[in-house]
């Protein structure tokens, strides 16, 4: 089973390969501020996606 550290690194690496358009789409899907998807790098978006509030919101949406 992946650990948090593995998941964190995997998400960050994956986001770094996504285009700005793809990151903007992910930002909207995760209901995060649009500025995160428009950032030139993916670090801020990864930080927001890995935060407890964003994860709780995503899990709640699955119910």
C-alpha atoms as a PDB file:
ATOM      1  CA  UNK A   1       0.000   0.000   0.000  1.00  0.00           C
ATOM      2  CA  UNK A   2       1.405   3.449  -0.907  1.00  0.00           C
ATOM      3  CA  UNK A   3       2.437   5.721   1.916  1.00  0.00           C
ATOM      4  CA  UNK A   4       1.599   9.397   2.212  1.00  0.00           C
ATOM      5  CA  UNK A   5       5.162  10.277   1.182  1.00  0.00           C
ATOM      6  CA  UNK A   6       4.904   8.089  -1.916  1.00  0.00           C
ATOM      7  CA  UNK A   7       1.516   9.521  -2.839  1.00  0.00           C
ATOM      8  CA  UNK A   8       2.781  13.058  -2.286  1.00  0.00           C
ATOM      9  CA  UNK A   9       5.815  12.549  -4.532  1.00  0.00           C
ATOM     10  CA  UNK A  10       3.773  10.762  -7.189  1.00  0.00           C
ATOM     11  CA  UNK A  11       1.143  13.510  -7.343  1.00  0.00           C
ATOM     12  CA  UNK A  12       3.780  16.244  -7.501  1.00  0.00           C
ATOM     13  CA  UNK A  13       5.676  14.476 -10.293  1.00  0.00           C
ATOM     14  CA  UNK A  14       2.479  13.836 -12.233  1.00  0.00           C
ATOM     15  CA  UNK A  15       1.229  17.421 -11.892  1.00  0.00           C
ATOM     16  CA  UNK A  16       4.601  18.708 -13.104  1.00  0.00           C
ATOM     17  CA  UNK A  17       4.007  16.929 -16.421  1.00  0.00           C
ATOM     18  CA  UNK A  18       0.501  18.344 -16.915  1.00  0.00           C
ATOM     19  CA  UNK A  19      -0.145  21.342 -19.123  1.00  0.00           C
ATOM     20  CA  UNK A  20      -1.479  24.609 -17.741  1.00  0.00           C
ATOM     21  CA  UNK A  21      -4.870  23.751 -19.226  1.00  0.00           C
ATOM     22  CA  UNK A  22      -4.940  20.374 -17.486  1.00  0.00           C
ATOM     23  CA  UNK A  23      -3.925  21.943 -14.179  1.00  0.00           C
ATOM     24  CA  UNK A  24      -6.681  24.541 -14.587  1.00  0.00           C
ATOM     25  CA  UNK A  25      -9.209  21.746 -15.139  1.00  0.00           C
ATOM     26  CA  UNK A  26      -7.998  19.882 -12.050  1.00  0.00           C
ATOM     27  CA  UNK A  27      -8.231  23.105 -10.065  1.00  0.00           C
ATOM     28  CA  UNK A  28     -11.889  23.497 -11.047  1.00  0.00           C
ATOM     29  CA  UNK A  29     -12.697  19.833 -10.351  1.00  0.00           C
ATOM     30  CA  UNK A  30     -11.151  20.073  -6.873  1.00  0.00           C
ATOM     31  CA  UNK A  31     -12.974  23.405  -6.238  1.00  0.00           C
ATOM     32  CA  UNK A  32      -9.701  25.216  -5.567  1.00  0.00           C
ATOM     33  CA  UNK A  33      -8.876  28.868  -6.289  1.00  0.00           C
ATOM     34  CA  UNK A  34      -8.313  29.438 -10.017  1.00  0.00           C
ATOM     35  CA  UNK A  35      -4.969  31.102  -9.324  1.00  0.00           C
ATOM     36  CA  UNK A  36      -3.536  27.706  -8.343  1.00  0.00           C
ATOM     37  CA  UNK A  37      -4.226  26.266 -11.784  1.00  0.00           C
ATOM     38  CA  UNK A  38      -2.718  29.287 -13.498  1.00  0.00           C
ATOM     39  CA  UNK A  39       0.566  29.153 -11.576  1.00  0.00           C
ATOM     40  CA  UNK A  40       3.638  28.439 -13.723  1.00  0.00           C
ATOM     41  CA  UNK A  41       4.592  25.430 -11.606  1.00  0.00           C
ATOM     42  CA  UNK A  42       2.478  22.766  -9.974  1.00  0.00           C
ATOM     43  CA  UNK A  43       3.806  23.008  -6.411  1.00  0.00           C
ATOM     44  CA  UNK A  44       1.070  25.272  -5.047  1.00  0.00           C
ATOM     45  CA  UNK A  45      -1.608  23.148  -6.697  1.00  0.00           C
ATOM     46  CA  UNK A  46      -0.102  19.966  -5.236  1.00  0.00           C
ATOM     47  CA  UNK A  47       0.038  21.558  -1.786  1.00  0.00           C
ATOM     48  CA  UNK A  48      -3.628  22.526  -2.038  1.00  0.00           C
ATOM     49  CA  UNK A  49      -4.739  19.139  -3.380  1.00  0.00           C
ATOM     50  CA  UNK A  50      -2.891  17.336  -0.586  1.00  0.00           C
ATOM     51  CA  UNK A  51      -4.353  19.545   2.136  1.00  0.00           C
ATOM     52  CA  UNK A  52      -6.877  18.024   4.542  1.00  0.00           C
ATOM     53  CA  UNK A  53      -9.702  20.368   3.516  1.00  0.00           C
ATOM     54  CA  UNK A  54      -9.380  19.535  -0.190  1.00  0.00           C
ATOM     55  CA  UNK A  55      -9.120  15.816   0.512  1.00  0.00           C
ATOM     56  CA  UNK A  56     -12.176  15.907   2.788  1.00  0.00           C
ATOM     57  CA  UNK A  57     -14.136  17.820   0.133  1.00  0.00           C
ATOM     58  CA  UNK A  58     -13.158  15.302  -2.569  1.00  0.00           C
ATOM     59  CA  UNK A  59     -14.085  12.343  -0.360  1.00  0.00           C
ATOM     60  CA  UNK A  60     -17.417  13.937   0.555  1.00  0.00           C
ATOM     61  CA  UNK A  61     -18.191  14.414  -3.132  1.00  0.00           C
ATOM     62  CA  UNK A  62     -17.774  10.673  -3.680  1.00  0.00           C
ATOM     63  CA  UNK A  63     -20.632   9.878  -1.290  1.00  0.00           C
END
